Amino acid sequence: MQLDIFEDSRDVMLRNDVLAALGAHRAVAARTAWETLRQEYAQDALLPSMFTLLQALETRVPQATAKPVLEDHDSLRRARLALQDSIQPAAQQLFSAKAAPAWLRPFWQDLVQGAARLPFRPDCEEDHAAPLLLHLEDWQGAVEAIARIASWRRIPAPLAWMTLAKLRLLGLQSSWGLLAELAWLSPKRLDALLQRAPDPLLQRLKDQFDAGFDAALGADGAMPDPTADLAWFPAWVLCARPDWVGHLALAQPGQHSAPEQAMRLMAELLGLERQGRHHDVVAHRKHLRALHPGLYAAYMKTR
């Protein structure tokens, strides 16, 4: 029995030696400890994951004195997928939920540095510095990387990235303009962003919109598409929170779509109501009803 206890203690000790060296990013010590564990306990279940991290450290060591440079988008994609699909799961298996992201952070930073000179390409949008910086929660770094993309405001992916970064940096009220622009340009991207957004008020508004906006009362009588209907979300927000009209009005002009027209019409309508211009209010309400009866119904419920 004493021998069994010693054997159990020995394998735990060797395993901990490997984990300690890996955790400290000490590649040479980790290699020595891993070889010892492999020789004495070749069937240890953690050996493969340990070896994955060991290889990652050994590959990274020569880069410590110089910034890594990735020659093209394919190189970045291969490095990113290796990190996501192999190195990250191994780290998550070996380290705690808090320690694993910290251990992986230098590898993500290497990707950011290597991607710094690569331009944005719509056909491989994930292979750009901006989404890597978002993954690292470097919001200001992401803003700067996105701002260097030509016409980023007219491209769904970088617009969604910028919206998320600004939402994290500045909060909800200062981000309504970008949220509106994203809703009009790509409701699908907005839907994905709302699932990641940290602001509980934004999520409550989305839930209220889903529950209370009668998308079936669309202007063309078509069957509703829950994701596409998010294009009307900014206009609907003005029904629920008319005090935010100044923030939403900061949205830059887009493609003059019906949802954009509706939000701008709502903003004008709220101004006319404050001014007591009844005749103009009636005319604007008629126009709003023609654009989307469901939105008009939501507006009238608040009157």
C-alpha atoms as a PDB file:
ATOM      1  CA  MET A   1       0.000   0.000   0.000  1.00  0.00           C
ATOM      2  CA  GLN A   2       2.851   2.380   0.798  1.00  0.00           C
ATOM      3  CA  LEU A   3       4.427   1.615  -2.563  1.00  0.00           C
ATOM      4  CA  ASP A   4       1.153   2.390  -4.333  1.00  0.00           C
ATOM      5  CA  ILE A   5       0.912   5.724  -2.532  1.00  0.00           C
ATOM      6  CA  PHE A   6       4.500   6.525  -3.523  1.00  0.00           C
ATOM      7  CA  GLU A   7       3.793   5.652  -7.151  1.00  0.00           C
ATOM      8  CA  ASP A   8       0.693   7.827  -7.162  1.00  0.00           C
ATOM      9  CA  SER A   9       2.641  10.675  -5.605  1.00  0.00           C
ATOM     10  CA  ARG A  10       5.437  10.269  -8.135  1.00  0.00           C
ATOM     11  CA  ASP A  11       3.190  10.648 -11.153  1.00  0.00           C
ATOM     12  CA  VAL A  12       1.430  13.656  -9.620  1.00  0.00           C
ATOM     13  CA  MET A  13       4.776  15.260  -8.838  1.00  0.00           C
ATOM     14  CA  LEU A  14       6.085  14.761 -12.366  1.00  0.00           C
ATOM     15  CA  ARG A  15       2.860  16.029 -13.871  1.00  0.00           C
ATOM     16  CA  ASN A  16       3.012  19.124 -11.693  1.00  0.00           C
ATOM     17  CA  ASP A  17       6.617  19.721 -12.743  1.00  0.00           C
ATOM     18  CA  VAL A  18       5.542  19.825 -16.378  1.00  0.00           C
ATOM     19  CA  LEU A  19       2.580  22.069 -15.662  1.00  0.00           C
ATOM     20  CA  ALA A  20       4.673  24.480 -13.605  1.00  0.00           C
ATOM     21  CA  ALA A  21       7.268  24.836 -16.359  1.00  0.00           C
ATOM     22  CA  LEU A  22       4.642  25.186 -19.060  1.00  0.00           C
ATOM     23  CA  GLY A  23       2.718  27.711 -16.988  1.00  0.00           C
ATOM     24  CA  ALA A  24       5.844  29.832 -16.614  1.00  0.00           C
ATOM     25  CA  HIS A  25       6.586  29.606 -20.364  1.00  0.00           C
ATOM     26  CA  ARG A  26       9.928  27.906 -19.610  1.00  0.00           C
ATOM     27  CA  ALA A  27      10.364  25.745 -22.678  1.00  0.00           C
ATOM     28  CA  VAL A  28      13.646  24.033 -21.728  1.00  0.00           C
ATOM     29  CA  ALA A  29      12.458  23.069 -18.253  1.00  0.00           C
ATOM     30  CA  ALA A  30       9.115  21.949 -19.664  1.00  0.00           C
ATOM     31  CA  ARG A  31      10.850  19.708 -22.211  1.00  0.00           C
ATOM     32  CA  THR A  32      12.962  18.054 -19.497  1.00  0.00           C
ATOM     33  CA  ALA A  33       9.964  17.531 -17.214  1.00  0.00           C
ATOM     34  CA  TRP A  34       7.786  16.250 -20.054  1.00  0.00           C
ATOM     35  CA  GLU A  35      10.433  13.714 -21.166  1.00  0.00           C
ATOM     36  CA  THR A  36      10.723  12.413 -17.607  1.00  0.00           C
ATOM     37  CA  LEU A  37       6.957  12.026 -17.301  1.00  0.00           C
ATOM     38  CA  ARG A  38       6.768  10.297 -20.681  1.00  0.00           C
ATOM     39  CA  GLN A  39       9.520   7.835 -19.797  1.00  0.00           C
ATOM     40  CA  GLU A  40       8.013   6.866 -16.463  1.00  0.00           C
ATOM     41  CA  TYR A  41       4.296   7.181 -17.254  1.00  0.00           C
ATOM     42  CA  ALA A  42       3.930   6.773 -21.002  1.00  0.00           C
ATOM     43  CA  GLN A  43       0.158   6.300 -20.735  1.00  0.00           C
ATOM     44  CA  ASP A  44      -0.505   9.531 -18.832  1.00  0.00           C
ATOM     45  CA  ALA A  45      -3.630  11.072 -20.350  1.00  0.00           C
ATOM     46  CA  LEU A  46      -2.252  14.619 -20.229  1.00  0.00           C
ATOM     47  CA  LEU A  47       0.919  13.928 -22.203  1.00  0.00           C
ATOM     48  CA  PRO A  48      -0.556  14.850 -25.630  1.00  0.00           C
ATOM     49  CA  SER A  49      -1.935  18.197 -24.457  1.00  0.00           C
ATOM     50  CA  MET A  50       1.294  18.956 -22.642  1.00  0.00           C
ATOM     51  CA  PHE A  51       3.250  18.178 -25.795  1.00  0.00           C
ATOM     52  CA  THR A  52       1.044  20.528 -27.816  1.00  0.00           C
ATOM     53  CA  LEU A  53       1.853  23.412 -25.472  1.00  0.00           C
ATOM     54  CA  LEU A  54       5.502  22.411 -25.322  1.00  0.00           C
ATOM     55  CA  GLN A  55       5.766  22.579 -29.101  1.00  0.00           C
ATOM     56  CA  ALA A  56       4.031  25.950 -29.093  1.00  0.00           C
ATOM     57  CA  LEU A  57       6.561  27.300 -26.589  1.00  0.00           C
ATOM     58  CA  GLU A  58       9.529  25.870 -28.442  1.00  0.00           C
ATOM     59  CA  THR A  59       8.310  27.333 -31.707  1.00  0.00           C
ATOM     60  CA  ARG A  60       7.792  30.715 -30.114  1.00  0.00           C
ATOM     61  CA  VAL A  61      11.170  31.027 -28.380  1.00  0.00           C
ATOM     62  CA  PRO A  62      13.145  32.224 -31.454  1.00  0.00           C
ATOM     63  CA  GLN A  63      10.557  34.962 -31.959  1.00  0.00           C
ATOM     64  CA  ALA A  64      11.119  36.464 -28.519  1.00  0.00           C
ATOM     65  CA  THR A  65      13.731  38.925 -29.752  1.00  0.00           C
ATOM     66  CA  ALA A  66      11.891  40.037 -32.891  1.00  0.00           C
ATOM     67  CA  LYS A  67       8.325  40.762 -33.872  1.00  0.00           C
ATOM     68  CA  PRO A  68       6.767  37.888 -35.810  1.00  0.00           C
ATOM     69  CA  VAL A  69       5.794  38.757 -39.360  1.00  0.00           C
ATOM     70  CA  LEU A  70       3.189  36.813 -41.319  1.00  0.00           C
ATOM     71  CA  GLU A  71       3.729  37.112 -45.037  1.00  0.00           C
ATOM     72  CA  ASP A  72       0.142  36.761 -46.204  1.00  0.00           C
ATOM     73  CA  HIS A  73      -3.418  36.009 -45.170  1.00  0.00           C
ATOM     74  CA  ASP A  74      -2.952  32.267 -45.669  1.00  0.00           C
ATOM     75  CA  SER A  75      -0.061  32.277 -43.204  1.00  0.00           C
ATOM     76  CA  LEU A  76      -2.176  34.141 -40.671  1.00  0.00           C
ATOM     77  CA  ARG A  77      -5.076  31.759 -41.190  1.00  0.00           C
ATOM     78  CA  ARG A  78      -2.893  28.701 -40.580  1.00  0.00           C
ATOM     79  CA  ALA A  79      -1.410  30.234 -37.448  1.00  0.00           C
ATOM     80  CA  ARG A  80      -4.826  31.347 -36.185  1.00  0.00           C
ATOM     81  CA  LEU A  81      -6.431  27.949 -36.734  1.00  0.00           C
ATOM     82  CA  ALA A  82      -3.520  26.179 -35.054  1.00  0.00           C
ATOM     83  CA  LEU A  83      -3.981  28.420 -32.033  1.00  0.00           C
ATOM     84  CA  GLN A  84      -7.773  28.053 -31.980  1.00  0.00           C
ATOM     85  CA  ASP A  85      -8.077  24.370 -32.803  1.00  0.00           C
ATOM     86  CA  SER A  86      -5.027  22.856 -31.125  1.00  0.00           C
ATOM     87  CA  ILE A  87      -3.158  25.081 -28.686  1.00  0.00           C
ATOM     88  CA  GLN A  88      -6.183  26.727 -27.071  1.00  0.00           C
ATOM     89  CA  PRO A  89      -8.059  23.474 -26.275  1.00  0.00           C
ATOM     90  CA  ALA A  90      -4.872  22.009 -24.798  1.00  0.00           C
ATOM     91  CA  ALA A  91      -4.380  25.057 -22.571  1.00  0.00           C
ATOM     92  CA  GLN A  92      -8.006  24.907 -21.479  1.00  0.00           C
ATOM     93  CA  GLN A  93      -7.571  21.258 -20.523  1.00  0.00           C
ATOM     94  CA  LEU A  94      -4.404  21.830 -18.503  1.00  0.00           C
ATOM     95  CA  PHE A  95      -5.034  25.184 -16.833  1.00  0.00           C
ATOM     96  CA  SER A  96      -7.889  26.825 -14.974  1.00  0.00           C
ATOM     97  CA  ALA A  97     -10.543  28.963 -16.648  1.00  0.00           C
ATOM     98  CA  LYS A  98      -8.653  32.063 -15.507  1.00  0.00           C
ATOM     99  CA  ALA A  99      -5.118  30.834 -16.156  1.00  0.00           C
ATOM    100  CA  ALA A 100      -5.671  29.473 -19.671  1.00  0.00           C
ATOM    101  CA  PRO A 101      -6.528  32.841 -21.321  1.00  0.00           C
ATOM    102  CA  ALA A 102      -3.569  34.475 -19.578  1.00  0.00           C
ATOM    103  CA  TRP A 103      -1.244  31.721 -20.813  1.00  0.00           C
ATOM    104  CA  LEU A 104      -2.560  32.057 -24.365  1.00  0.00           C
ATOM    105  CA  ARG A 105      -2.430  35.849 -24.487  1.00  0.00           C
ATOM    106  CA  PRO A 106       1.184  36.128 -25.747  1.00  0.00           C
ATOM    107  CA  PHE A 107       0.341  33.823 -28.645  1.00  0.00           C
ATOM    108  CA  TRP A 108      -2.637  35.974 -29.633  1.00  0.00           C
ATOM    109  CA  GLN A 109      -0.428  39.035 -29.345  1.00  0.00           C
ATOM    110  CA  ASP A 110       2.061  37.396 -31.702  1.00  0.00           C
ATOM    111  CA  LEU A 111      -0.737  36.979 -34.239  1.00  0.00           C
ATOM    112  CA  VAL A 112      -1.723  40.635 -33.862  1.00  0.00           C
ATOM    113  CA  GLN A 113       1.853  41.747 -34.466  1.00  0.00           C
ATOM    114  CA  GLY A 114       2.226  39.412 -37.411  1.00  0.00           C
ATOM    115  CA  ALA A 115      -1.026  40.635 -38.950  1.00  0.00           C
ATOM    116  CA  ALA A 116      -0.308  44.336 -38.491  1.00  0.00           C
ATOM    117  CA  ARG A 117       0.622  44.937 -42.137  1.00  0.00           C
ATOM    118  CA  LEU A 118      -2.019  42.730 -43.719  1.00  0.00           C
ATOM    119  CA  PRO A 119      -4.897  44.661 -45.330  1.00  0.00           C
ATOM    120  CA  PHE A 120      -8.534  43.779 -44.778  1.00  0.00           C
ATOM    121  CA  ARG A 121      -9.936  41.297 -47.296  1.00  0.00           C
ATOM    122  CA  PRO A 122     -13.676  40.530 -47.347  1.00  0.00           C
ATOM    123  CA  ASP A 123     -13.020  36.936 -48.428  1.00  0.00           C
ATOM    124  CA  CYS A 124     -10.965  36.229 -45.286  1.00  0.00           C
ATOM    125  CA  GLU A 125     -12.238  38.798 -42.826  1.00  0.00           C
ATOM    126  CA  GLU A 126     -11.202  36.882 -39.708  1.00  0.00           C
ATOM    127  CA  ASP A 127      -7.589  37.064 -40.839  1.00  0.00           C
ATOM    128  CA  HIS A 128      -7.017  40.664 -39.830  1.00  0.00           C
ATOM    129  CA  ALA A 129      -5.615  42.338 -36.738  1.00  0.00           C
ATOM    130  CA  ALA A 130      -8.970  43.799 -35.648  1.00  0.00           C
ATOM    131  CA  PRO A 131     -10.842  40.586 -34.702  1.00  0.00           C
ATOM    132  CA  LEU A 132      -7.698  39.331 -32.968  1.00  0.00           C
ATOM    133  CA  LEU A 133      -7.602  42.505 -30.872  1.00  0.00           C
ATOM    134  CA  LEU A 134     -11.292  42.092 -30.070  1.00  0.00           C
ATOM    135  CA  HIS A 135     -10.555  38.567 -28.877  1.00  0.00           C
ATOM    136  CA  LEU A 136      -7.914  40.046 -26.565  1.00  0.00           C
ATOM    137  CA  GLU A 137     -10.444  42.668 -25.411  1.00  0.00           C
ATOM    138  CA  ASP A 138      -8.029  45.383 -26.519  1.00  0.00           C
ATOM    139  CA  TRP A 139     -10.869  47.699 -27.475  1.00  0.00           C
ATOM    140  CA  GLN A 140      -8.780  50.783 -28.235  1.00  0.00           C
ATOM    141  CA  GLY A 141      -6.313  48.767 -30.289  1.00  0.00           C
ATOM    142  CA  ALA A 142      -9.224  47.327 -32.253  1.00  0.00           C
ATOM    143  CA  VAL A 143     -10.651  50.798 -32.914  1.00  0.00           C
ATOM    144  CA  GLU A 144      -7.310  51.948 -34.300  1.00  0.00           C
ATOM    145  CA  ALA A 145      -6.921  48.861 -36.499  1.00  0.00           C
ATOM    146  CA  ILE A 146     -10.457  49.181 -37.881  1.00  0.00           C
ATOM    147  CA  ALA A 147     -10.047  52.890 -38.568  1.00  0.00           C
ATOM    148  CA  ARG A 148      -7.233  52.021 -40.975  1.00  0.00           C
ATOM    149  CA  ILE A 149      -9.609  49.957 -43.138  1.00  0.00           C
ATOM    150  CA  ALA A 150     -10.751  52.028 -46.104  1.00  0.00           C
ATOM    151  CA  SER A 151     -14.521  52.676 -46.055  1.00  0.00           C
ATOM    152  CA  TRP A 152     -14.927  50.539 -42.941  1.00  0.00           C
ATOM    153  CA  ARG A 153     -18.318  52.110 -42.282  1.00  0.00           C
ATOM    154  CA  ARG A 154     -19.689  50.643 -45.518  1.00  0.00           C
ATOM    155  CA  ILE A 155     -18.457  47.078 -44.940  1.00  0.00           C
ATOM    156  CA  PRO A 156     -20.446  44.791 -42.595  1.00  0.00           C
ATOM    157  CA  ALA A 157     -17.569  43.072 -40.768  1.00  0.00           C
ATOM    158  CA  PRO A 158     -15.476  46.117 -39.791  1.00  0.00           C
ATOM    159  CA  LEU A 159     -18.616  48.107 -38.982  1.00  0.00           C
ATOM    160  CA  ALA A 160     -19.689  45.329 -36.601  1.00  0.00           C
ATOM    161  CA  TRP A 161     -16.205  45.240 -35.071  1.00  0.00           C
ATOM    162  CA  MET A 162     -16.147  48.999 -34.556  1.00  0.00           C
ATOM    163  CA  THR A 163     -19.626  48.946 -33.033  1.00  0.00           C
ATOM    164  CA  LEU A 164     -18.630  46.295 -30.503  1.00  0.00           C
ATOM    165  CA  ALA A 165     -15.381  48.076 -29.628  1.00  0.00           C
ATOM    166  CA  LYS A 166     -17.086  51.441 -29.164  1.00  0.00           C
ATOM    167  CA  LEU A 167     -19.865  49.824 -27.156  1.00  0.00           C
ATOM    168  CA  ARG A 168     -17.246  48.430 -24.790  1.00  0.00           C
ATOM    169  CA  LEU A 169     -15.287  51.674 -24.635  1.00  0.00           C
ATOM    170  CA  LEU A 170     -18.015  54.310 -24.554  1.00  0.00           C
ATOM    171  CA  GLY A 171     -21.193  52.561 -23.456  1.00  0.00           C
ATOM    172  CA  LEU A 172     -24.610  52.209 -25.027  1.00  0.00           C
ATOM    173  CA  GLN A 173     -25.808  55.777 -25.485  1.00  0.00           C
ATOM    174  CA  SER A 174     -22.669  56.868 -27.329  1.00  0.00           C
ATOM    175  CA  SER A 175     -22.882  53.812 -29.599  1.00  0.00           C
ATOM    176  CA  TRP A 176     -26.447  54.150 -30.881  1.00  0.00           C
ATOM    177  CA  GLY A 177     -25.364  55.781 -34.140  1.00  0.00           C
ATOM    178  CA  LEU A 178     -23.148  52.833 -35.052  1.00  0.00           C
ATOM    179  CA  LEU A 179     -25.752  50.332 -33.861  1.00  0.00           C
ATOM    180  CA  ALA A 180     -28.296  51.929 -36.200  1.00  0.00           C
ATOM    181  CA  GLU A 181     -25.893  51.903 -39.142  1.00  0.00           C
ATOM    182  CA  LEU A 182     -25.142  48.230 -38.522  1.00  0.00           C
ATOM    183  CA  ALA A 183     -28.848  47.392 -38.294  1.00  0.00           C
ATOM    184  CA  TRP A 184     -29.454  48.910 -41.717  1.00  0.00           C
ATOM    185  CA  LEU A 185     -26.343  47.508 -43.383  1.00  0.00           C
ATOM    186  CA  SER A 186     -26.365  44.006 -41.892  1.00  0.00           C
ATOM    187  CA  PRO A 187     -29.144  42.936 -39.487  1.00  0.00           C
ATOM    188  CA  LYS A 188     -27.484  39.528 -39.271  1.00  0.00           C
ATOM    189  CA  ARG A 189     -24.293  41.098 -37.923  1.00  0.00           C
ATOM    190  CA  LEU A 190     -26.301  43.131 -35.444  1.00  0.00           C
ATOM    191  CA  ASP A 191     -27.997  39.972 -34.209  1.00  0.00           C
ATOM    192  CA  ALA A 192     -24.595  38.343 -33.624  1.00  0.00           C
ATOM    193  CA  LEU A 193     -23.307  41.458 -31.869  1.00  0.00           C
ATOM    194  CA  LEU A 194     -26.329  41.654 -29.564  1.00  0.00           C
ATOM    195  CA  GLN A 195     -25.555  38.140 -28.377  1.00  0.00           C
ATOM    196  CA  ARG A 196     -22.089  39.337 -27.301  1.00  0.00           C
ATOM    197  CA  ALA A 197     -23.026  42.799 -26.071  1.00  0.00           C
ATOM    198  CA  PRO A 198     -22.412  43.360 -22.354  1.00  0.00           C
ATOM    199  CA  ASP A 199     -25.084  46.009 -21.774  1.00  0.00           C
ATOM    200  CA  PRO A 200     -28.155  44.516 -20.025  1.00  0.00           C
ATOM    201  CA  LEU A 201     -30.357  47.416 -21.137  1.00  0.00           C
ATOM    202  CA  LEU A 202     -29.566  46.714 -24.773  1.00  0.00           C
ATOM    203  CA  GLN A 203     -30.493  43.076 -24.298  1.00  0.00           C
ATOM    204  CA  ARG A 204     -33.767  44.023 -22.595  1.00  0.00           C
ATOM    205  CA  LEU A 205     -34.645  46.298 -25.492  1.00  0.00           C
ATOM    206  CA  LYS A 206     -33.903  43.498 -27.934  1.00  0.00           C
ATOM    207  CA  ASP A 207     -36.140  41.129 -25.941  1.00  0.00           C
ATOM    208  CA  GLN A 208     -38.943  43.716 -25.901  1.00  0.00           C
ATOM    209  CA  PHE A 209     -38.531  44.250 -29.626  1.00  0.00           C
ATOM    210  CA  ASP A 210     -38.759  40.513 -30.291  1.00  0.00           C
ATOM    211  CA  ALA A 211     -41.851  40.220 -28.112  1.00  0.00           C
ATOM    212  CA  GLY A 212     -43.684  43.387 -29.082  1.00  0.00           C
ATOM    213  CA  PHE A 213     -42.759  44.340 -32.635  1.00  0.00           C
ATOM    214  CA  ASP A 214     -45.392  42.987 -35.006  1.00  0.00           C
ATOM    215  CA  ALA A 215     -43.145  42.090 -37.914  1.00  0.00           C
ATOM    216  CA  ALA A 216     -46.050  40.362 -39.627  1.00  0.00           C
ATOM    217  CA  LEU A 217     -47.445  43.829 -40.299  1.00  0.00           C
ATOM    218  CA  GLY A 218     -44.675  44.583 -42.789  1.00  0.00           C
ATOM    219  CA  ALA A 219     -45.267  47.040 -45.569  1.00  0.00           C
ATOM    220  CA  ASP A 220     -45.138  44.401 -48.308  1.00  0.00           C
ATOM    221  CA  GLY A 221     -47.077  41.656 -46.545  1.00  0.00           C
ATOM    222  CA  ALA A 222     -44.124  39.267 -46.769  1.00  0.00           C
ATOM    223  CA  MET A 223     -43.451  36.591 -44.176  1.00  0.00           C
ATOM    224  CA  PRO A 224     -41.314  38.036 -41.352  1.00  0.00           C
ATOM    225  CA  ASP A 225     -37.636  37.178 -40.999  1.00  0.00           C
ATOM    226  CA  PRO A 226     -36.629  37.659 -37.326  1.00  0.00           C
ATOM    227  CA  THR A 227     -33.050  38.547 -38.225  1.00  0.00           C
ATOM    228  CA  ALA A 228     -33.887  40.812 -41.158  1.00  0.00           C
ATOM    229  CA  ASP A 229     -36.512  42.550 -39.030  1.00  0.00           C
ATOM    230  CA  LEU A 230     -33.699  43.874 -36.828  1.00  0.00           C
ATOM    231  CA  ALA A 231     -33.181  46.528 -39.495  1.00  0.00           C
ATOM    232  CA  TRP A 232     -36.248  48.189 -37.934  1.00  0.00           C
ATOM    233  CA  PHE A 233     -34.831  47.987 -34.411  1.00  0.00           C
ATOM    234  CA  PRO A 234     -33.383  51.559 -34.337  1.00  0.00           C
ATOM    235  CA  ALA A 235     -36.718  53.060 -35.380  1.00  0.00           C
ATOM    236  CA  TRP A 236     -38.543  50.923 -32.821  1.00  0.00           C
ATOM    237  CA  VAL A 237     -36.130  52.042 -30.085  1.00  0.00           C
ATOM    238  CA  LEU A 238     -37.418  55.583 -30.562  1.00  0.00           C
ATOM    239  CA  CYS A 239     -40.900  54.317 -29.732  1.00  0.00           C
ATOM    240  CA  ALA A 240     -39.619  52.877 -26.450  1.00  0.00           C
ATOM    241  CA  ARG A 241     -37.022  55.533 -25.645  1.00  0.00           C
ATOM    242  CA  PRO A 242     -37.789  58.811 -27.445  1.00  0.00           C
ATOM    243  CA  ASP A 243     -35.258  60.560 -25.195  1.00  0.00           C
ATOM    244  CA  TRP A 244     -32.485  58.837 -27.160  1.00  0.00           C
ATOM    245  CA  VAL A 245     -33.373  60.557 -30.410  1.00  0.00           C
ATOM    246  CA  GLY A 246     -30.257  62.733 -30.258  1.00  0.00           C
ATOM    247  CA  HIS A 247     -27.981  59.701 -30.011  1.00  0.00           C
ATOM    248  CA  LEU A 248     -29.660  57.763 -32.821  1.00  0.00           C
ATOM    249  CA  ALA A 249     -29.738  60.823 -35.054  1.00  0.00           C
ATOM    250  CA  LEU A 250     -25.920  60.704 -35.138  1.00  0.00           C
ATOM    251  CA  ALA A 251     -26.084  57.690 -37.458  1.00  0.00           C
ATOM    252  CA  GLN A 252     -24.479  58.566 -40.765  1.00  0.00           C
ATOM    253  CA  PRO A 253     -26.588  58.284 -43.943  1.00  0.00           C
ATOM    254  CA  GLY A 254     -26.639  54.818 -45.442  1.00  0.00           C
ATOM    255  CA  GLN A 255     -28.427  53.428 -48.477  1.00  0.00           C
ATOM    256  CA  HIS A 256     -31.710  55.209 -47.737  1.00  0.00           C
ATOM    257  CA  SER A 257     -33.456  51.918 -47.052  1.00  0.00           C
ATOM    258  CA  ALA A 258     -36.988  51.807 -45.689  1.00  0.00           C
ATOM    259  CA  PRO A 259     -35.779  51.037 -42.121  1.00  0.00           C
ATOM    260  CA  GLU A 260     -33.405  54.007 -42.259  1.00  0.00           C
ATOM    261  CA  GLN A 261     -36.154  56.252 -43.604  1.00  0.00           C
ATOM    262  CA  ALA A 262     -38.404  55.071 -40.790  1.00  0.00           C
ATOM    263  CA  MET A 263     -35.917  55.950 -38.056  1.00  0.00           C
ATOM    264  CA  ARG A 264     -35.264  59.391 -39.490  1.00  0.00           C
ATOM    265  CA  LEU A 265     -39.002  59.888 -39.919  1.00  0.00           C
ATOM    266  CA  MET A 266     -39.512  58.904 -36.279  1.00  0.00           C
ATOM    267  CA  ALA A 267     -36.882  61.452 -35.226  1.00  0.00           C
ATOM    268  CA  GLU A 268     -38.650  64.179 -37.210  1.00  0.00           C
ATOM    269  CA  LEU A 269     -42.012  63.103 -35.841  1.00  0.00           C
ATOM    270  CA  LEU A 270     -40.828  63.375 -32.249  1.00  0.00           C
ATOM    271  CA  GLY A 271     -39.546  66.870 -32.948  1.00  0.00           C
ATOM    272  CA  LEU A 272     -42.835  67.923 -34.525  1.00  0.00           C
ATOM    273  CA  GLU A 273     -44.745  66.607 -31.516  1.00  0.00           C
ATOM    274  CA  ARG A 274     -42.621  68.686 -29.163  1.00  0.00           C
ATOM    275  CA  GLN A 275     -43.298  71.745 -31.307  1.00  0.00           C
ATOM    276  CA  GLY A 276     -47.048  71.097 -31.351  1.00  0.00           C
ATOM    277  CA  ARG A 277     -47.241  71.102 -35.160  1.00  0.00           C
ATOM    278  CA  HIS A 278     -50.348  68.945 -35.399  1.00  0.00           C
ATOM    279  CA  HIS A 279     -50.843  69.124 -39.164  1.00  0.00           C
ATOM    280  CA  ASP A 280     -47.278  67.996 -39.859  1.00  0.00           C
ATOM    281  CA  VAL A 281     -47.557  65.291 -37.206  1.00  0.00           C
ATOM    282  CA  VAL A 282     -50.570  63.797 -38.992  1.00  0.00           C
ATOM    283  CA  ALA A 283     -48.724  63.803 -42.318  1.00  0.00           C
ATOM    284  CA  HIS A 284     -45.643  62.137 -40.821  1.00  0.00           C
ATOM    285  CA  ARG A 285     -47.764  59.497 -39.096  1.00  0.00           C
ATOM    286  CA  LYS A 286     -49.376  58.657 -42.415  1.00  0.00           C
ATOM    287  CA  HIS A 287     -45.958  58.278 -44.006  1.00  0.00           C
ATOM    288  CA  LEU A 288     -44.781  56.084 -41.116  1.00  0.00           C
ATOM    289  CA  ARG A 289     -47.785  53.816 -41.489  1.00  0.00           C
ATOM    290  CA  ALA A 290     -47.059  53.412 -45.186  1.00  0.00           C
ATOM    291  CA  LEU A 291     -43.448  52.477 -44.460  1.00  0.00           C
ATOM    292  CA  HIS A 292     -44.279  49.805 -41.876  1.00  0.00           C
ATOM    293  CA  PRO A 293     -47.693  49.304 -40.243  1.00  0.00           C
ATOM    294  CA  GLY A 294     -46.111  47.280 -37.445  1.00  0.00           C
ATOM    295  CA  LEU A 295     -43.779  50.117 -36.532  1.00  0.00           C
ATOM    296  CA  TYR A 296     -46.671  52.565 -36.738  1.00  0.00           C
ATOM    297  CA  ALA A 297     -48.668  50.351 -34.362  1.00  0.00           C
ATOM    298  CA  ALA A 298     -45.757  50.259 -31.899  1.00  0.00           C
ATOM    299  CA  TYR A 299     -45.496  54.043 -32.069  1.00  0.00           C
ATOM    300  CA  MET A 300     -49.226  54.602 -31.534  1.00  0.00           C
ATOM    301  CA  LYS A 301     -49.217  52.361 -28.450  1.00  0.00           C
ATOM    302  CA  THR A 302     -47.074  54.987 -26.752  1.00  0.00           C
ATOM    303  CA  ARG A 303     -49.468  57.832 -27.632  1.00  0.00           C
END
